């Protein structure tokens, strides 16, 4: 059997419908809008890239997520040292209404109202005094 003298043609890979090329085909973005929105949602909640990668569970590396943050020009949260970080909490509609009303009395935002309460309760270890056993297991 004689070898074929003609080189094999490389088959052109079929491009995925979500691929977007950046530059002269140096980078291929292959995230669906749903995936990008999910990453953006989790990022907005303050979830770190390592946790986002774990939640997605599709093989994406945390460094890839951080690279996308930079490409999207998202403001990066400072790391290390002393800096404020957002802590989201869940409240029911009636609780949010009461919070807004009480914050308005003091002429502050609801977020600032909660921040002041949390700072004082945490620094003076006032959990038991503030909750008064309301959340204790019976």
N, C-alpha and C. Protein backbone atom coordinates (compact mmCIF):
# COMPACT_ATOMS: atom_id res chain seq x y z
N UNK A 1 0.84 -1.17 0.00
CA UNK A 1 0.00 0.00 0.00
C UNK A 1 0.89 1.24 0.00
N UNK A 2 0.63 2.15 -0.91
CA UNK A 2 1.43 3.37 -0.99
C UNK A 2 0.73 4.49 -0.23
N UNK A 3 1.52 5.30 0.45
CA UNK A 3 0.90 6.40 1.19
C UNK A 3 0.36 7.45 0.23
N UNK A 4 -0.67 8.13 0.67
CA UNK A 4 -1.29 9.18 -0.13
C UNK A 4 -0.37 10.40 -0.12
N UNK A 5 0.11 10.86 -1.28
CA UNK A 5 1.04 11.99 -1.31
C UNK A 5 0.37 13.33 -1.02
N UNK A 6 -0.96 13.40 -1.14
CA UNK A 6 -1.65 14.66 -0.89
C UNK A 6 -1.91 14.83 0.62
N UNK A 7 -1.63 16.01 1.14
CA UNK A 7 -1.90 16.21 2.56
C UNK A 7 -3.40 16.23 2.83
N UNK A 8 -3.75 15.75 4.00
CA UNK A 8 -5.16 15.74 4.37
C UNK A 8 -5.62 17.17 4.62
N UNK A 9 -6.80 17.47 4.12
CA UNK A 9 -7.37 18.78 4.38
C UNK A 9 -7.93 18.79 5.80
N UNK A 10 -7.63 19.87 6.48
CA UNK A 10 -8.21 20.00 7.81
C UNK A 10 -9.67 20.36 7.66
N UNK A 11 -10.51 19.60 8.31
CA UNK A 11 -11.93 19.91 8.22
C UNK A 11 -12.22 21.15 9.06
N UNK A 12 -12.97 22.04 8.47
CA UNK A 12 -13.32 23.26 9.19
C UNK A 12 -14.40 22.92 10.22
N UNK A 13 -14.12 23.28 11.42
CA UNK A 13 -15.04 23.01 12.51
C UNK A 13 -16.29 23.86 12.34
N UNK A 14 -17.43 23.26 12.55
CA UNK A 14 -18.68 24.00 12.45
C UNK A 14 -18.77 24.96 13.62
N UNK A 15 -19.05 26.22 13.33
CA UNK A 15 -19.12 27.19 14.42
C UNK A 15 -20.46 27.08 15.13
N UNK A 16 -20.42 27.32 16.40
CA UNK A 16 -21.60 27.27 17.24
C UNK A 16 -22.40 28.55 17.04
N UNK A 17 -23.72 28.49 17.17
CA UNK A 17 -24.54 29.66 16.89
C UNK A 17 -24.33 30.80 17.88
N UNK A 18 -23.70 30.53 19.02
CA UNK A 18 -23.47 31.60 20.00
C UNK A 18 -22.06 32.17 19.94
N UNK A 19 -21.23 31.69 19.01
CA UNK A 19 -19.85 32.16 18.96
C UNK A 19 -19.77 33.59 18.45
N UNK A 20 -18.97 34.38 19.11
CA UNK A 20 -18.70 35.75 18.69
C UNK A 20 -17.19 35.93 18.70
N UNK A 21 -16.64 36.37 17.57
CA UNK A 21 -15.19 36.53 17.47
C UNK A 21 -14.80 37.94 17.89
N UNK A 22 -13.72 38.05 18.63
CA UNK A 22 -13.17 39.34 19.02
C UNK A 22 -11.79 39.46 18.42
N UNK A 23 -11.48 40.62 17.90
CA UNK A 23 -10.19 40.79 17.25
C UNK A 23 -10.18 40.00 15.96
N UNK A 24 -9.01 39.64 15.51
CA UNK A 24 -8.92 38.86 14.27
C UNK A 24 -8.96 37.38 14.62
N UNK A 25 -10.09 36.95 15.11
CA UNK A 25 -10.35 35.56 15.48
C UNK A 25 -9.37 35.05 16.55
N UNK A 26 -8.94 35.94 17.42
CA UNK A 26 -8.04 35.53 18.50
C UNK A 26 -8.82 34.96 19.67
N UNK A 27 -10.01 35.45 19.87
CA UNK A 27 -10.80 35.04 21.03
C UNK A 27 -12.20 34.69 20.57
N UNK A 28 -12.69 33.58 21.02
CA UNK A 28 -14.05 33.18 20.69
C UNK A 28 -14.87 33.21 21.97
N UNK A 29 -15.90 34.05 21.97
CA UNK A 29 -16.82 34.05 23.10
C UNK A 29 -17.94 33.08 22.77
N UNK A 30 -18.22 32.18 23.68
CA UNK A 30 -19.21 31.16 23.39
C UNK A 30 -20.17 31.00 24.57
N UNK A 31 -20.63 32.09 25.10
CA UNK A 31 -21.60 32.05 26.18
C UNK A 31 -22.95 32.46 25.63
N UNK A 32 -23.98 31.77 26.04
CA UNK A 32 -25.32 32.17 25.65
C UNK A 32 -25.71 33.40 26.46
N UNK A 33 -26.74 34.08 26.00
CA UNK A 33 -27.24 35.23 26.75
C UNK A 33 -27.71 34.81 28.14
N UNK A 34 -28.30 33.64 28.22
CA UNK A 34 -28.79 33.16 29.52
C UNK A 34 -27.63 32.94 30.49
N UNK A 35 -26.53 32.37 29.99
CA UNK A 35 -25.37 32.13 30.85
C UNK A 35 -24.75 33.45 31.28
N UNK A 36 -24.62 34.38 30.34
CA UNK A 36 -24.05 35.69 30.68
C UNK A 36 -24.93 36.41 31.69
N UNK A 37 -26.25 36.32 31.52
CA UNK A 37 -27.17 36.95 32.46
C UNK A 37 -27.07 36.31 33.84
N UNK A 38 -26.94 34.99 33.88
CA UNK A 38 -26.81 34.28 35.15
C UNK A 38 -25.53 34.70 35.88
N UNK A 39 -24.44 34.77 35.14
CA UNK A 39 -23.17 35.21 35.73
C UNK A 39 -23.29 36.65 36.22
N UNK A 40 -23.93 37.51 35.43
CA UNK A 40 -24.10 38.91 35.84
C UNK A 40 -24.98 39.02 37.08
N UNK A 41 -26.03 38.22 37.14
CA UNK A 41 -26.92 38.22 38.31
C UNK A 41 -26.16 37.82 39.57
N UNK A 42 -25.41 36.72 39.47
CA UNK A 42 -24.64 36.25 40.63
C UNK A 42 -23.56 37.26 41.01
N UNK A 43 -22.95 37.89 40.01
CA UNK A 43 -21.93 38.91 40.27
C UNK A 43 -22.54 40.08 41.02
N UNK A 44 -23.72 40.50 40.60
CA UNK A 44 -24.41 41.60 41.26
C UNK A 44 -24.77 41.30 42.70
N UNK A 45 -24.97 40.02 43.00
CA UNK A 45 -25.26 39.62 44.38
C UNK A 45 -24.00 39.55 45.22
N UNK A 46 -22.84 39.72 44.58
CA UNK A 46 -21.59 39.69 45.32
C UNK A 46 -20.96 38.31 45.45
N UNK A 47 -21.42 37.37 44.63
CA UNK A 47 -20.88 36.00 44.67
C UNK A 47 -19.51 36.00 44.01
N UNK A 48 -18.48 35.42 44.65
CA UNK A 48 -17.14 35.39 44.05
C UNK A 48 -17.07 34.45 42.84
N UNK A 49 -16.07 34.67 42.01
CA UNK A 49 -15.94 33.89 40.77
C UNK A 49 -15.80 32.39 41.03
N UNK A 50 -15.13 32.02 42.11
CA UNK A 50 -14.97 30.59 42.41
C UNK A 50 -16.33 29.94 42.70
N UNK A 51 -17.18 30.67 43.40
CA UNK A 51 -18.51 30.14 43.72
C UNK A 51 -19.40 30.13 42.48
N UNK A 52 -19.26 31.14 41.62
CA UNK A 52 -20.04 31.17 40.37
C UNK A 52 -19.67 29.97 39.51
N UNK A 53 -18.38 29.67 39.41
CA UNK A 53 -17.93 28.51 38.63
C UNK A 53 -18.51 27.22 39.19
N UNK A 54 -18.58 27.13 40.51
CA UNK A 54 -19.15 25.93 41.15
C UNK A 54 -20.64 25.83 40.87
N UNK A 55 -21.34 26.97 40.92
CA UNK A 55 -22.79 26.97 40.67
C UNK A 55 -23.09 26.61 39.21
N UNK A 56 -22.33 27.17 38.27
CA UNK A 56 -22.56 26.88 36.85
C UNK A 56 -22.30 25.41 36.53
N UNK A 57 -21.25 24.86 37.14
CA UNK A 57 -20.91 23.44 37.00
C UNK A 57 -20.87 22.99 35.53
N UNK A 58 -20.26 23.83 34.67
CA UNK A 58 -20.14 23.46 33.26
C UNK A 58 -18.70 23.46 32.79
N UNK A 59 -17.76 23.44 33.74
CA UNK A 59 -16.35 23.38 33.39
C UNK A 59 -15.69 24.73 33.22
N UNK A 60 -16.44 25.82 33.39
CA UNK A 60 -15.83 27.14 33.26
C UNK A 60 -14.92 27.39 34.46
N UNK A 61 -13.77 27.99 34.18
CA UNK A 61 -12.78 28.26 35.23
C UNK A 61 -13.07 29.63 35.84
N UNK A 62 -12.84 29.80 37.16
CA UNK A 62 -13.06 31.11 37.79
C UNK A 62 -12.28 32.24 37.11
N UNK A 63 -11.09 31.94 36.59
CA UNK A 63 -10.30 32.97 35.90
C UNK A 63 -11.01 33.43 34.62
N UNK A 64 -11.74 32.53 33.97
CA UNK A 64 -12.51 32.90 32.78
C UNK A 64 -13.62 33.87 33.15
N UNK A 65 -14.26 33.62 34.28
CA UNK A 65 -15.33 34.51 34.74
C UNK A 65 -14.75 35.89 35.04
N UNK A 66 -13.61 35.94 35.72
CA UNK A 66 -12.98 37.22 36.02
C UNK A 66 -12.55 37.94 34.74
N UNK A 67 -12.09 37.17 33.74
CA UNK A 67 -11.70 37.77 32.46
C UNK A 67 -12.92 38.37 31.77
N UNK A 68 -14.06 37.71 31.86
CA UNK A 68 -15.28 38.25 31.26
C UNK A 68 -15.71 39.52 31.99
N UNK A 69 -15.54 39.55 33.31
CA UNK A 69 -15.85 40.78 34.06
C UNK A 69 -15.02 41.94 33.51
N UNK A 70 -13.74 41.68 33.25
CA UNK A 70 -12.88 42.75 32.72
C UNK A 70 -13.31 43.15 31.31
N UNK A 71 -13.65 42.18 30.46
CA UNK A 71 -14.08 42.49 29.10
C UNK A 71 -15.38 43.28 29.10
N UNK A 72 -16.25 42.96 30.05
CA UNK A 72 -17.52 43.68 30.16
C UNK A 72 -17.33 45.02 30.87
N UNK A 73 -16.12 45.28 31.32
CA UNK A 73 -15.77 46.51 32.04
C UNK A 73 -16.62 46.72 33.29
N UNK A 74 -16.84 45.62 34.02
CA UNK A 74 -17.57 45.72 35.28
C UNK A 74 -16.63 46.28 36.35
N UNK A 75 -17.16 47.08 37.25
CA UNK A 75 -16.30 47.57 38.34
C UNK A 75 -15.90 46.40 39.23
N UNK A 76 -14.62 46.27 39.48
CA UNK A 76 -14.12 45.17 40.30
C UNK A 76 -14.11 45.58 41.76
N UNK A 77 -14.59 44.70 42.61
CA UNK A 77 -14.58 44.96 44.04
C UNK A 77 -13.15 44.83 44.55
N UNK A 78 -12.77 45.70 45.46
CA UNK A 78 -11.41 45.60 46.00
C UNK A 78 -11.25 44.31 46.80
N UNK A 79 -10.05 43.77 46.80
CA UNK A 79 -9.79 42.56 47.58
C UNK A 79 -8.77 42.88 48.66
N UNK A 80 -8.90 42.21 49.77
CA UNK A 80 -7.98 42.42 50.89
C UNK A 80 -8.21 43.77 51.55
N UNK A 81 -7.71 43.92 52.73
CA UNK A 81 -7.83 45.21 53.42
C UNK A 81 -9.25 45.48 53.91
N UNK A 82 -9.47 46.71 54.32
CA UNK A 82 -10.77 47.10 54.87
C UNK A 82 -11.56 47.85 53.80
N UNK A 83 -12.67 47.29 53.39
CA UNK A 83 -13.56 47.94 52.43
C UNK A 83 -14.98 47.44 52.66
N UNK A 84 -15.97 48.27 52.38
CA UNK A 84 -17.36 47.83 52.58
C UNK A 84 -17.76 46.81 51.53
N UNK A 85 -18.60 45.88 51.93
CA UNK A 85 -19.14 44.89 51.01
C UNK A 85 -20.64 44.80 51.22
N UNK A 86 -21.37 44.66 50.13
CA UNK A 86 -22.83 44.55 50.21
C UNK A 86 -23.20 43.17 50.75
N UNK A 87 -24.18 43.15 51.65
CA UNK A 87 -24.69 41.90 52.21
C UNK A 87 -26.19 41.87 51.95
N UNK A 88 -26.63 41.14 50.93
CA UNK A 88 -28.06 41.11 50.63
C UNK A 88 -28.83 40.31 51.67
N UNK A 89 -30.02 40.78 52.01
CA UNK A 89 -30.88 40.05 52.94
C UNK A 89 -32.28 39.96 52.33
N UNK A 90 -33.01 38.94 52.71
CA UNK A 90 -34.36 38.73 52.20
C UNK A 90 -35.37 39.25 53.21
N UNK A 91 -36.28 40.09 52.75
CA UNK A 91 -37.36 40.61 53.58
C UNK A 91 -38.67 40.44 52.83
N UNK A 92 -39.74 40.17 53.57
CA UNK A 92 -41.07 40.11 52.97
C UNK A 92 -41.57 41.52 52.70
N UNK A 93 -42.61 41.64 51.89
CA UNK A 93 -43.12 42.95 51.48
C UNK A 93 -43.52 43.80 52.67
N UNK A 94 -44.20 43.22 53.65
CA UNK A 94 -44.62 44.01 54.82
C UNK A 94 -43.42 44.48 55.63
N UNK A 95 -42.38 43.65 55.70
CA UNK A 95 -41.16 44.04 56.42
C UNK A 95 -40.44 45.17 55.68
N UNK A 96 -40.41 45.08 54.33
CA UNK A 96 -39.78 46.15 53.55
C UNK A 96 -40.53 47.47 53.69
N UNK A 97 -41.85 47.39 53.74
CA UNK A 97 -42.66 48.59 53.91
C UNK A 97 -42.40 49.25 55.26
N UNK A 98 -42.35 48.44 56.31
CA UNK A 98 -42.07 48.96 57.65
C UNK A 98 -40.66 49.54 57.72
N UNK A 99 -39.72 48.86 57.08
CA UNK A 99 -38.34 49.36 57.03
C UNK A 99 -38.28 50.72 56.34
N UNK A 100 -38.94 50.84 55.21
CA UNK A 100 -38.94 52.11 54.46
C UNK A 100 -39.56 53.23 55.29
N UNK A 101 -40.64 52.91 55.99
CA UNK A 101 -41.32 53.93 56.81
C UNK A 101 -40.42 54.41 57.95
N UNK A 102 -39.78 53.47 58.63
CA UNK A 102 -38.91 53.85 59.77
C UNK A 102 -37.65 54.57 59.29
N UNK A 103 -37.12 54.18 58.15
CA UNK A 103 -35.94 54.86 57.61
C UNK A 103 -36.29 56.28 57.19
N UNK A 104 -37.49 56.45 56.63
CA UNK A 104 -37.92 57.79 56.20
C UNK A 104 -38.05 58.74 57.38
N UNK A 105 -38.49 58.21 58.54
CA UNK A 105 -38.60 59.04 59.75
C UNK A 105 -37.25 59.63 60.13
N UNK A 106 -36.18 58.86 59.92
CA UNK A 106 -34.82 59.32 60.26
C UNK A 106 -34.15 60.03 59.09
N UNK A 107 -34.84 60.11 57.96
CA UNK A 107 -34.31 60.74 56.76
C UNK A 107 -33.03 60.05 56.26
N UNK A 108 -33.06 58.71 56.26
CA UNK A 108 -31.96 57.91 55.71
C UNK A 108 -32.56 56.87 54.78
N UNK A 109 -31.72 56.24 53.98
CA UNK A 109 -32.19 55.17 53.10
C UNK A 109 -32.44 53.91 53.93
N UNK A 110 -33.28 53.01 53.44
CA UNK A 110 -33.49 51.75 54.16
C UNK A 110 -32.18 50.97 54.35
N UNK A 111 -31.29 51.03 53.36
CA UNK A 111 -30.01 50.33 53.48
C UNK A 111 -29.17 50.90 54.61
N UNK A 112 -29.14 52.23 54.71
CA UNK A 112 -28.37 52.88 55.77
C UNK A 112 -28.98 52.59 57.14
N UNK A 113 -30.31 52.55 57.20
CA UNK A 113 -31.01 52.23 58.45
C UNK A 113 -30.58 50.85 58.96
N UNK A 114 -30.64 49.86 58.06
CA UNK A 114 -30.23 48.50 58.43
C UNK A 114 -28.75 48.43 58.76
N UNK A 115 -27.92 49.16 58.02
CA UNK A 115 -26.48 49.14 58.28
C UNK A 115 -26.19 49.65 59.68
N UNK A 116 -26.84 50.73 60.08
CA UNK A 116 -26.60 51.29 61.42
C UNK A 116 -27.00 50.30 62.51
N UNK A 117 -28.15 49.66 62.34
CA UNK A 117 -28.59 48.67 63.33
C UNK A 117 -27.61 47.51 63.39
N UNK A 118 -27.21 47.00 62.23
CA UNK A 118 -26.30 45.85 62.19
C UNK A 118 -24.95 46.19 62.80
N UNK A 119 -24.40 47.36 62.48
CA UNK A 119 -23.09 47.75 63.02
C UNK A 119 -23.14 47.80 64.54
N UNK A 120 -24.18 48.41 65.10
CA UNK A 120 -24.29 48.51 66.56
C UNK A 120 -24.52 47.15 67.21
N UNK A 121 -25.40 46.34 66.62
CA UNK A 121 -25.70 45.03 67.20
C UNK A 121 -24.48 44.10 67.14
N UNK A 122 -23.74 44.16 66.05
CA UNK A 122 -22.57 43.29 65.91
C UNK A 122 -21.44 43.73 66.82
N UNK A 123 -21.15 45.03 66.81
CA UNK A 123 -20.00 45.50 67.60
C UNK A 123 -20.21 45.33 69.10
N UNK A 124 -21.45 45.44 69.57
CA UNK A 124 -21.72 45.29 71.01
C UNK A 124 -22.30 43.92 71.36
N UNK A 125 -22.34 42.99 70.42
CA UNK A 125 -22.85 41.63 70.63
C UNK A 125 -24.26 41.67 71.23
N UNK A 126 -25.16 42.35 70.55
CA UNK A 126 -26.52 42.53 71.04
C UNK A 126 -27.54 41.63 70.36
N UNK A 127 -27.11 40.51 69.80
CA UNK A 127 -28.04 39.63 69.09
C UNK A 127 -29.21 39.21 69.97
N UNK A 128 -28.90 38.71 71.16
CA UNK A 128 -29.97 38.23 72.06
C UNK A 128 -30.91 39.36 72.45
N UNK A 129 -30.36 40.55 72.69
CA UNK A 129 -31.20 41.68 73.09
C UNK A 129 -32.08 42.15 71.93
N UNK A 130 -31.55 42.13 70.72
CA UNK A 130 -32.31 42.62 69.57
C UNK A 130 -33.38 41.62 69.15
N UNK A 131 -33.03 40.34 69.07
CA UNK A 131 -33.99 39.34 68.59
C UNK A 131 -34.95 38.88 69.68
N UNK A 132 -34.57 38.99 70.94
CA UNK A 132 -35.43 38.66 72.08
C UNK A 132 -36.03 37.25 71.96
N UNK A 133 -35.24 36.31 71.47
CA UNK A 133 -35.66 34.91 71.39
C UNK A 133 -36.60 34.59 70.25
N UNK A 134 -36.88 35.55 69.36
CA UNK A 134 -37.83 35.36 68.28
C UNK A 134 -37.41 34.26 67.30
N UNK A 135 -36.11 34.09 67.11
CA UNK A 135 -35.62 33.12 66.13
C UNK A 135 -35.00 31.89 66.79
N UNK A 136 -35.10 31.76 68.11
CA UNK A 136 -34.53 30.61 68.81
C UNK A 136 -35.36 29.36 68.52
N UNK A 137 -34.68 28.23 68.41
CA UNK A 137 -35.38 26.96 68.21
C UNK A 137 -36.08 26.58 69.50
N UNK A 138 -37.27 26.13 69.36
CA UNK A 138 -38.06 25.79 70.55
C UNK A 138 -37.97 24.34 70.86
